[in-house]
N, C-alpha and C. Protein backbone atom coordinates (compact mmCIF):
# COMPACT_ATOMS: atom_id res chain seq x y z
N MET A 1 133.76 180.36 89.44
CA MET A 1 134.35 179.13 88.95
C MET A 1 133.31 178.43 88.09
N LYS A 2 133.77 177.90 86.97
CA LYS A 2 132.90 177.16 86.06
C LYS A 2 133.32 175.69 86.12
N ILE A 3 132.32 174.80 86.16
CA ILE A 3 132.57 173.36 86.15
C ILE A 3 132.29 172.84 84.75
N ILE A 4 133.24 172.08 84.21
CA ILE A 4 133.11 171.49 82.88
C ILE A 4 133.06 169.98 83.05
N ASP A 5 131.98 169.37 82.56
CA ASP A 5 131.84 167.92 82.63
C ASP A 5 132.82 167.23 81.68
N THR A 6 133.20 166.00 82.05
CA THR A 6 134.02 165.16 81.19
C THR A 6 133.22 163.92 80.83
N ALA A 7 133.79 163.03 80.06
CA ALA A 7 133.12 161.80 79.65
C ALA A 7 132.88 160.85 80.83
N ILE A 8 133.57 161.06 81.93
CA ILE A 8 133.32 160.30 83.16
C ILE A 8 132.73 161.27 84.17
N ALA A 9 131.50 161.02 84.58
CA ALA A 9 130.72 161.98 85.36
C ALA A 9 131.42 162.50 86.62
N ASP A 10 132.18 161.65 87.30
CA ASP A 10 132.79 162.07 88.57
C ASP A 10 134.07 162.88 88.41
N VAL A 11 134.64 162.89 87.23
CA VAL A 11 135.86 163.66 86.95
C VAL A 11 135.42 164.98 86.34
N LYS A 12 135.89 166.08 86.92
CA LYS A 12 135.44 167.41 86.48
C LYS A 12 136.64 168.31 86.18
N ILE A 13 136.46 169.18 85.20
CA ILE A 13 137.41 170.26 84.95
C ILE A 13 136.86 171.50 85.62
N LEU A 14 137.72 172.17 86.37
CA LEU A 14 137.35 173.41 87.03
C LEU A 14 138.05 174.56 86.34
N ALA A 15 137.28 175.54 85.90
CA ALA A 15 137.83 176.72 85.23
C ALA A 15 137.58 177.93 86.12
N PRO A 16 138.59 178.38 86.85
CA PRO A 16 138.39 179.51 87.75
C PRO A 16 138.23 180.82 86.97
N ARG A 17 137.61 181.79 87.62
CA ARG A 17 137.53 183.13 87.04
C ARG A 17 138.90 183.78 87.21
N VAL A 18 139.40 184.30 86.12
CA VAL A 18 140.72 184.93 86.12
C VAL A 18 140.53 186.41 85.81
N PHE A 19 141.07 187.26 86.66
CA PHE A 19 140.98 188.70 86.49
C PHE A 19 142.35 189.21 86.11
N GLY A 20 142.47 189.74 84.91
CA GLY A 20 143.76 190.19 84.43
C GLY A 20 143.75 191.64 83.99
N ASP A 21 144.92 192.24 84.06
CA ASP A 21 145.15 193.58 83.53
C ASP A 21 146.62 193.69 83.16
N THR A 22 147.10 194.89 82.94
CA THR A 22 148.48 195.07 82.50
C THR A 22 149.51 194.59 83.53
N ARG A 23 149.12 194.46 84.77
CA ARG A 23 150.03 194.02 85.83
C ARG A 23 150.18 192.50 85.88
N GLY A 24 149.20 191.79 85.32
CA GLY A 24 149.19 190.33 85.43
C GLY A 24 147.78 189.82 85.65
N PHE A 25 147.62 188.86 86.56
CA PHE A 25 146.28 188.32 86.82
C PHE A 25 146.13 187.94 88.28
N PHE A 26 144.87 187.73 88.68
CA PHE A 26 144.51 187.20 89.98
C PHE A 26 143.44 186.15 89.74
N MET A 27 143.53 185.06 90.49
CA MET A 27 142.47 184.05 90.49
C MET A 27 142.44 183.36 91.84
N GLU A 28 141.28 182.91 92.21
CA GLU A 28 141.12 182.09 93.41
C GLU A 28 141.26 180.65 92.96
N SER A 29 142.36 180.00 93.34
CA SER A 29 142.60 178.64 92.86
C SER A 29 141.81 177.59 93.64
N TYR A 30 141.45 177.89 94.87
CA TYR A 30 140.65 176.95 95.65
C TYR A 30 139.88 177.69 96.72
N ASN A 31 138.62 177.30 96.86
CA ASN A 31 137.75 177.82 97.90
C ASN A 31 136.87 176.65 98.33
N GLN A 32 137.00 176.23 99.58
CA GLN A 32 136.30 175.04 100.05
C GLN A 32 134.79 175.14 99.85
N LYS A 33 134.21 176.28 100.17
CA LYS A 33 132.76 176.46 100.03
C LYS A 33 132.34 176.36 98.57
N THR A 34 133.05 177.03 97.69
CA THR A 34 132.72 176.97 96.26
C THR A 34 132.86 175.56 95.73
N PHE A 35 133.94 174.87 96.10
CA PHE A 35 134.16 173.48 95.68
C PHE A 35 132.98 172.62 96.12
N HIS A 36 132.58 172.77 97.38
CA HIS A 36 131.46 172.00 97.92
C HIS A 36 130.16 172.35 97.20
N ASP A 37 129.88 173.65 97.06
CA ASP A 37 128.62 174.08 96.45
C ASP A 37 128.50 173.64 94.99
N LEU A 38 129.58 173.76 94.23
CA LEU A 38 129.52 173.44 92.80
C LEU A 38 129.58 171.95 92.51
N LEU A 39 130.35 171.21 93.29
CA LEU A 39 130.50 169.77 93.04
C LEU A 39 129.66 168.91 93.97
N GLY A 40 129.12 169.51 95.02
CA GLY A 40 128.35 168.73 95.98
C GLY A 40 129.22 167.80 96.80
N LEU A 41 130.51 168.15 96.92
CA LEU A 41 131.47 167.31 97.64
C LEU A 41 132.06 168.07 98.82
N LYS A 42 132.13 167.40 99.94
CA LYS A 42 132.82 167.95 101.10
C LYS A 42 134.10 167.15 101.25
N VAL A 43 135.22 167.74 100.86
CA VAL A 43 136.50 167.05 100.96
C VAL A 43 137.44 167.86 101.83
N ASP A 44 138.33 167.16 102.48
CA ASP A 44 139.38 167.80 103.25
C ASP A 44 140.70 167.45 102.60
N PHE A 45 141.39 168.45 102.11
CA PHE A 45 142.71 168.24 101.54
C PHE A 45 143.73 168.26 102.66
N VAL A 46 144.66 167.29 102.64
CA VAL A 46 145.62 167.15 103.74
C VAL A 46 147.06 167.35 103.29
N GLN A 47 147.29 167.38 101.99
CA GLN A 47 148.67 167.46 101.50
C GLN A 47 148.68 168.20 100.17
N ASP A 48 149.69 169.06 99.98
CA ASP A 48 149.94 169.71 98.70
C ASP A 48 151.26 169.20 98.16
N ASN A 49 151.30 168.92 96.84
CA ASN A 49 152.51 168.42 96.19
C ASN A 49 152.84 169.29 94.99
N HIS A 50 154.11 169.31 94.62
CA HIS A 50 154.59 170.11 93.49
C HIS A 50 155.68 169.31 92.80
N SER A 51 155.51 169.10 91.49
CA SER A 51 156.58 168.46 90.72
C SER A 51 156.94 169.34 89.54
N CYS A 52 158.19 169.25 89.14
CA CYS A 52 158.67 169.95 87.96
C CYS A 52 159.25 168.89 87.04
N SER A 53 158.84 168.91 85.77
CA SER A 53 159.26 167.88 84.83
C SER A 53 159.53 168.49 83.47
N GLY A 54 160.39 167.82 82.69
CA GLY A 54 160.73 168.28 81.36
C GLY A 54 159.86 167.68 80.28
N LEU A 55 160.01 168.20 79.09
CA LEU A 55 159.27 167.78 77.90
C LEU A 55 159.25 166.26 77.75
N ASN A 56 158.08 165.71 77.45
CA ASN A 56 157.83 164.28 77.23
C ASN A 56 157.93 163.42 78.48
N THR A 57 158.12 164.03 79.66
CA THR A 57 158.07 163.24 80.89
C THR A 57 156.64 162.76 81.08
N LEU A 58 156.50 161.48 81.37
CA LEU A 58 155.20 160.90 81.67
C LEU A 58 155.26 160.34 83.08
N ARG A 59 154.40 160.86 83.94
CA ARG A 59 154.33 160.39 85.33
C ARG A 59 153.00 159.66 85.52
N GLY A 60 153.08 158.41 85.96
CA GLY A 60 151.85 157.68 86.23
C GLY A 60 151.78 156.39 85.45
N LEU A 61 150.72 155.79 85.63
CA LEU A 61 149.43 156.16 86.20
C LEU A 61 149.37 155.65 87.64
N HIS A 62 149.33 156.54 88.61
CA HIS A 62 149.46 156.19 90.02
C HIS A 62 148.13 156.23 90.76
N TYR A 63 148.06 155.42 91.81
CA TYR A 63 146.94 155.46 92.75
C TYR A 63 147.35 154.71 94.01
N GLN A 64 146.58 154.88 95.07
CA GLN A 64 146.81 154.16 96.32
C GLN A 64 145.61 153.27 96.58
N ILE A 65 145.84 151.97 96.73
CA ILE A 65 144.74 151.03 96.93
C ILE A 65 144.14 151.16 98.33
N GLU A 66 144.98 151.48 99.31
CA GLU A 66 144.50 151.86 100.65
C GLU A 66 144.91 153.31 100.83
N GLN A 67 144.20 154.03 101.69
CA GLN A 67 144.39 155.47 101.83
C GLN A 67 144.28 156.13 100.44
N PRO A 68 143.21 155.81 99.69
CA PRO A 68 143.08 156.38 98.35
C PRO A 68 143.01 157.90 98.40
N GLN A 69 143.55 158.51 97.37
CA GLN A 69 143.64 159.97 97.32
C GLN A 69 142.76 160.54 96.21
N GLY A 70 141.88 161.46 96.58
CA GLY A 70 141.28 162.34 95.59
C GLY A 70 142.30 163.43 95.33
N LYS A 71 142.37 163.92 94.09
CA LYS A 71 143.38 164.92 93.75
C LYS A 71 142.74 166.09 92.99
N LEU A 72 143.12 167.28 93.37
CA LEU A 72 142.76 168.48 92.62
C LEU A 72 144.07 168.99 92.04
N VAL A 73 144.21 168.86 90.70
CA VAL A 73 145.49 169.09 90.05
C VAL A 73 145.44 170.31 89.13
N ARG A 74 146.60 170.99 89.00
CA ARG A 74 146.70 172.13 88.10
C ARG A 74 148.15 172.35 87.72
N VAL A 75 148.36 173.16 86.69
CA VAL A 75 149.69 173.48 86.20
C VAL A 75 149.92 174.98 86.40
N VAL A 76 151.06 175.34 87.01
CA VAL A 76 151.35 176.76 87.25
C VAL A 76 152.41 177.29 86.30
N SER A 77 153.06 176.40 85.57
CA SER A 77 154.05 176.79 84.56
C SER A 77 154.10 175.68 83.52
N GLY A 78 153.92 176.04 82.24
CA GLY A 78 153.98 175.04 81.19
C GLY A 78 152.63 174.45 80.86
N GLU A 79 152.66 173.23 80.28
CA GLU A 79 151.44 172.57 79.81
C GLU A 79 151.59 171.06 79.91
N VAL A 80 150.52 170.38 80.34
CA VAL A 80 150.52 168.93 80.42
C VAL A 80 149.23 168.38 79.84
N PHE A 81 149.28 167.09 79.47
CA PHE A 81 148.09 166.31 79.16
C PHE A 81 147.85 165.46 80.38
N ASP A 82 146.75 165.70 81.08
CA ASP A 82 146.44 165.05 82.35
C ASP A 82 145.38 163.98 82.14
N VAL A 83 145.55 162.83 82.79
CA VAL A 83 144.69 161.67 82.55
C VAL A 83 144.20 161.06 83.86
N ALA A 84 142.93 160.65 83.88
CA ALA A 84 142.35 159.88 84.98
C ALA A 84 141.73 158.62 84.40
N VAL A 85 142.00 157.47 85.03
CA VAL A 85 141.47 156.18 84.58
C VAL A 85 140.62 155.59 85.71
N ASP A 86 139.39 155.24 85.39
CA ASP A 86 138.46 154.70 86.37
C ASP A 86 138.84 153.27 86.72
N LEU A 87 139.15 153.04 88.01
CA LEU A 87 139.50 151.70 88.49
C LEU A 87 138.46 151.15 89.47
N ARG A 88 137.26 151.70 89.41
CA ARG A 88 136.16 151.23 90.27
C ARG A 88 135.43 150.11 89.52
N ARG A 89 135.62 148.87 89.98
CA ARG A 89 135.07 147.69 89.29
C ARG A 89 133.57 147.78 89.02
N ASN A 90 132.82 148.37 89.92
CA ASN A 90 131.36 148.42 89.78
C ASN A 90 130.87 149.65 89.02
N SER A 91 131.78 150.40 88.46
CA SER A 91 131.42 151.61 87.72
C SER A 91 131.11 151.29 86.26
N GLU A 92 130.18 152.01 85.68
CA GLU A 92 129.88 151.85 84.26
C GLU A 92 131.06 152.27 83.38
N THR A 93 131.97 153.05 83.95
CA THR A 93 133.11 153.53 83.17
C THR A 93 134.43 152.86 83.59
N PHE A 94 134.34 151.69 84.24
CA PHE A 94 135.54 150.97 84.66
C PHE A 94 136.47 150.77 83.46
N GLY A 95 137.75 151.11 83.65
CA GLY A 95 138.76 150.93 82.60
C GLY A 95 138.78 152.04 81.57
N LYS A 96 137.85 152.98 81.67
CA LYS A 96 137.81 154.12 80.73
C LYS A 96 138.67 155.25 81.27
N TRP A 97 139.06 156.14 80.36
CA TRP A 97 139.91 157.26 80.75
C TRP A 97 139.36 158.57 80.19
N VAL A 98 139.74 159.65 80.86
CA VAL A 98 139.50 161.00 80.34
C VAL A 98 140.80 161.75 80.44
N GLY A 99 141.00 162.68 79.51
CA GLY A 99 142.20 163.49 79.51
C GLY A 99 141.85 164.94 79.28
N ALA A 100 142.70 165.82 79.78
CA ALA A 100 142.49 167.26 79.61
C ALA A 100 143.84 167.95 79.53
N ILE A 101 143.89 169.00 78.74
CA ILE A 101 145.07 169.85 78.70
C ILE A 101 144.97 170.83 79.87
N LEU A 102 145.97 170.80 80.72
CA LEU A 102 146.08 171.76 81.82
C LEU A 102 147.31 172.61 81.56
N SER A 103 147.17 173.91 81.70
CA SER A 103 148.31 174.78 81.42
C SER A 103 148.27 176.01 82.30
N ALA A 104 149.42 176.67 82.37
CA ALA A 104 149.49 177.95 83.08
C ALA A 104 148.64 178.98 82.36
N GLU A 105 148.46 178.80 81.08
CA GLU A 105 147.67 179.75 80.30
C GLU A 105 146.17 179.58 80.50
N ASN A 106 145.67 178.33 80.49
CA ASN A 106 144.21 178.16 80.62
C ASN A 106 143.74 178.10 82.07
N HIS A 107 144.64 177.91 83.03
CA HIS A 107 144.33 177.90 84.46
C HIS A 107 143.37 176.79 84.87
N HIS A 108 143.08 175.84 83.99
CA HIS A 108 142.14 174.77 84.33
C HIS A 108 142.74 173.84 85.38
N GLN A 109 141.83 173.25 86.16
CA GLN A 109 142.19 172.25 87.15
C GLN A 109 141.36 171.01 86.86
N LEU A 110 141.85 169.87 87.31
CA LEU A 110 141.10 168.63 87.15
C LEU A 110 140.86 168.02 88.52
N TRP A 111 139.61 167.68 88.80
CA TRP A 111 139.25 166.95 90.01
C TRP A 111 139.26 165.46 89.66
N VAL A 112 140.17 164.71 90.32
CA VAL A 112 140.30 163.26 90.13
C VAL A 112 139.88 162.61 91.45
N PRO A 113 138.69 162.01 91.50
CA PRO A 113 138.23 161.43 92.77
C PRO A 113 138.97 160.15 93.13
N THR A 114 138.75 159.69 94.34
CA THR A 114 139.32 158.40 94.74
C THR A 114 138.77 157.31 93.82
N GLY A 115 139.55 156.26 93.65
CA GLY A 115 139.13 155.16 92.78
C GLY A 115 139.64 155.29 91.35
N PHE A 116 140.50 156.28 91.13
CA PHE A 116 141.05 156.53 89.80
C PHE A 116 142.57 156.48 89.84
N ALA A 117 143.17 155.95 88.76
CA ALA A 117 144.60 156.11 88.55
C ALA A 117 144.79 157.46 87.87
N HIS A 118 145.93 158.09 88.13
CA HIS A 118 146.17 159.43 87.61
C HIS A 118 147.59 159.53 87.05
N GLY A 119 147.72 160.26 85.97
CA GLY A 119 149.03 160.52 85.41
C GLY A 119 148.99 161.71 84.48
N PHE A 120 150.18 162.15 84.06
CA PHE A 120 150.24 163.27 83.12
C PHE A 120 151.50 163.19 82.29
N MET A 121 151.45 163.86 81.13
CA MET A 121 152.59 163.96 80.23
C MET A 121 152.86 165.43 79.96
N VAL A 122 154.13 165.82 80.05
CA VAL A 122 154.52 167.21 79.84
C VAL A 122 154.60 167.50 78.34
N LEU A 123 153.91 168.56 77.91
CA LEU A 123 153.86 168.94 76.50
C LEU A 123 154.73 170.16 76.20
N SER A 124 155.18 170.86 77.21
CA SER A 124 156.02 172.05 77.05
C SER A 124 157.46 171.70 77.42
N GLU A 125 158.36 172.64 77.26
CA GLU A 125 159.77 172.39 77.61
C GLU A 125 159.92 171.92 79.05
N SER A 126 159.09 172.49 79.93
CA SER A 126 159.02 172.04 81.31
C SER A 126 157.65 172.42 81.84
N ALA A 127 157.28 171.82 82.96
CA ALA A 127 155.99 172.13 83.58
C ALA A 127 156.10 171.98 85.08
N ASP A 128 155.50 172.93 85.78
CA ASP A 128 155.34 172.84 87.23
C ASP A 128 153.90 172.42 87.49
N PHE A 129 153.75 171.28 88.14
CA PHE A 129 152.47 170.63 88.36
C PHE A 129 152.22 170.61 89.86
N VAL A 130 151.09 171.17 90.30
CA VAL A 130 150.79 171.21 91.73
C VAL A 130 149.43 170.56 91.97
N TYR A 131 149.32 169.89 93.12
CA TYR A 131 148.04 169.26 93.41
C TYR A 131 147.83 169.05 94.90
N LYS A 132 146.55 169.06 95.24
CA LYS A 132 146.09 168.80 96.60
C LYS A 132 145.60 167.35 96.66
N THR A 133 145.80 166.69 97.81
CA THR A 133 145.31 165.32 97.98
C THR A 133 144.44 165.22 99.23
N THR A 134 143.52 164.27 99.18
CA THR A 134 142.59 164.06 100.30
C THR A 134 143.11 163.07 101.32
N ASP A 135 144.25 162.45 101.04
CA ASP A 135 144.89 161.58 102.03
C ASP A 135 146.39 161.68 101.82
N TYR A 136 147.13 161.22 102.81
CA TYR A 136 148.58 161.33 102.78
C TYR A 136 149.20 160.29 101.85
N TYR A 137 150.36 160.61 101.32
CA TYR A 137 151.11 159.67 100.50
C TYR A 137 151.51 158.47 101.35
N ALA A 138 151.22 157.29 100.85
CA ALA A 138 151.53 156.04 101.56
C ALA A 138 152.18 155.10 100.55
N PRO A 139 153.51 155.15 100.43
CA PRO A 139 154.18 154.36 99.40
C PRO A 139 153.88 152.86 99.46
N GLU A 140 153.61 152.34 100.63
CA GLU A 140 153.31 150.91 100.74
C GLU A 140 151.98 150.53 100.08
N HIS A 141 151.13 151.51 99.84
CA HIS A 141 149.83 151.26 99.20
C HIS A 141 149.78 151.76 97.76
N GLU A 142 150.87 152.34 97.29
CA GLU A 142 150.88 152.89 95.94
C GLU A 142 150.91 151.77 94.91
N ARG A 143 150.16 151.97 93.86
CA ARG A 143 150.12 151.05 92.73
C ARG A 143 150.32 151.85 91.45
N CYS A 144 150.63 151.14 90.37
CA CYS A 144 150.88 151.81 89.10
C CYS A 144 150.24 151.01 87.96
N LEU A 145 149.30 151.64 87.28
CA LEU A 145 148.71 151.08 86.07
C LEU A 145 149.63 151.42 84.91
N ARG A 146 149.87 150.46 84.06
CA ARG A 146 150.76 150.66 82.92
C ARG A 146 150.24 151.78 82.02
N TRP A 147 151.09 152.73 81.72
CA TRP A 147 150.72 153.93 80.97
C TRP A 147 150.26 153.61 79.54
N ASP A 148 150.75 152.51 78.97
CA ASP A 148 150.43 152.17 77.59
C ASP A 148 149.63 150.88 77.47
N ASP A 149 148.86 150.55 78.50
CA ASP A 149 148.04 149.34 78.47
C ASP A 149 147.08 149.41 77.28
N PRO A 150 147.13 148.43 76.38
CA PRO A 150 146.27 148.47 75.19
C PRO A 150 144.78 148.34 75.52
N THR A 151 144.45 147.76 76.66
CA THR A 151 143.04 147.66 77.06
C THR A 151 142.47 149.03 77.38
N VAL A 152 143.26 149.86 78.05
CA VAL A 152 142.82 151.22 78.40
C VAL A 152 142.94 152.12 77.17
N ASP A 153 144.03 151.97 76.43
CA ASP A 153 144.24 152.65 75.15
C ASP A 153 144.18 154.18 75.23
N ILE A 154 145.00 154.74 76.10
CA ILE A 154 145.07 156.19 76.23
C ILE A 154 145.75 156.77 75.00
N ASP A 155 145.18 157.82 74.48
CA ASP A 155 145.72 158.50 73.30
C ASP A 155 146.67 159.61 73.76
N TRP A 156 147.86 159.22 74.22
CA TRP A 156 148.86 160.19 74.69
C TRP A 156 149.36 161.01 73.51
N PRO A 157 149.54 162.32 73.67
CA PRO A 157 149.97 163.17 72.56
C PRO A 157 151.49 163.34 72.49
N TYR A 158 152.23 162.27 72.61
CA TYR A 158 153.69 162.38 72.61
C TYR A 158 154.28 162.13 71.22
N LYS A 159 155.47 162.64 71.06
CA LYS A 159 156.25 162.37 69.86
C LYS A 159 157.54 161.71 70.33
N GLY A 160 157.79 160.51 69.89
CA GLY A 160 158.94 159.78 70.40
C GLY A 160 158.59 159.07 71.68
N ALA A 161 159.58 158.46 72.30
CA ALA A 161 159.34 157.71 73.53
C ALA A 161 159.21 158.65 74.73
N PRO A 162 158.21 158.40 75.59
CA PRO A 162 158.09 159.23 76.80
C PRO A 162 159.21 158.90 77.79
N LEU A 163 159.52 159.87 78.64
CA LEU A 163 160.51 159.67 79.70
C LEU A 163 159.78 159.16 80.93
N LEU A 164 160.16 157.95 81.37
CA LEU A 164 159.50 157.29 82.49
C LEU A 164 160.47 157.02 83.62
N SER A 165 159.95 157.00 84.84
CA SER A 165 160.76 156.56 85.98
C SER A 165 160.87 155.04 85.92
N ASP A 166 161.84 154.49 86.63
CA ASP A 166 161.96 153.03 86.70
C ASP A 166 160.68 152.42 87.28
N LYS A 167 160.12 153.06 88.27
CA LYS A 167 158.88 152.59 88.90
C LYS A 167 157.74 152.55 87.89
N ASP A 168 157.61 153.59 87.07
CA ASP A 168 156.51 153.64 86.11
C ASP A 168 156.70 152.65 84.97
N LYS A 169 157.93 152.28 84.68
CA LYS A 169 158.18 151.25 83.66
C LYS A 169 157.66 149.89 84.10
N LEU A 170 157.46 149.71 85.40
CA LEU A 170 156.99 148.44 85.96
C LEU A 170 155.48 148.40 86.17
N GLY A 171 154.76 149.41 85.67
CA GLY A 171 153.31 149.44 85.82
C GLY A 171 152.67 148.17 85.27
N LEU A 172 151.56 147.80 85.86
CA LEU A 172 150.86 146.57 85.48
C LEU A 172 149.69 146.86 84.55
N ALA A 173 149.29 145.85 83.80
CA ALA A 173 148.13 145.94 82.93
C ALA A 173 146.85 146.02 83.76
N LEU A 174 145.81 146.57 83.18
CA LEU A 174 144.53 146.70 83.86
C LEU A 174 144.05 145.36 84.42
N ALA A 175 144.24 144.29 83.68
CA ALA A 175 143.81 142.96 84.13
C ALA A 175 144.56 142.48 85.38
N ASP A 176 145.71 143.09 85.65
CA ASP A 176 146.56 142.62 86.76
C ASP A 176 146.65 143.56 87.95
N VAL A 177 146.09 144.77 87.85
CA VAL A 177 146.22 145.72 88.96
C VAL A 177 145.13 145.50 90.00
N ASP A 178 145.44 145.94 91.21
CA ASP A 178 144.42 146.00 92.26
C ASP A 178 143.43 147.09 91.88
N THR A 179 142.14 146.82 92.08
CA THR A 179 141.11 147.79 91.74
C THR A 179 140.23 148.06 92.96
N PHE A 180 139.30 148.97 92.80
CA PHE A 180 138.40 149.38 93.87
C PHE A 180 137.03 148.74 93.68
N ALA A 181 136.34 148.47 94.79
CA ALA A 181 134.99 147.89 94.72
C ALA A 181 134.01 148.85 94.09
């Protein structure tokens, strides 16, 4: 596994070794020891999630203010633009974002630590998005940062209006969201 740094030090792209031949491919998508050795992090994942979305669907930017979730995300079918926004008030990168293309073709994964809002936009006709979390989903603690907040200024690669859930349409501006110490 290769670790690729991003503009925010705590957010990492993981590029697994992929072994392919005429039959297809094999890769180890997660190994606790390798994750710990390469990132210096000991995390326990407690939940796996899978979503399927169509072209231009934008999900996010979500986080939990209590029971915060670190996420290891990847795409098993299609392609997405994946984003993490730093919501740690005492961080040098507070309010900054990083984005990465995750696809079934490149096999890349993104490590999004606790203290970040997370979201993605589907760039292919459809995408299957899977991720591990370090804490359980707790809807009472879920928050949503507005996907198009001009202060954060994410450069989403969409054409036309993104498809949003009613919940995501109600996302708050960075100045108004709950943040982390």
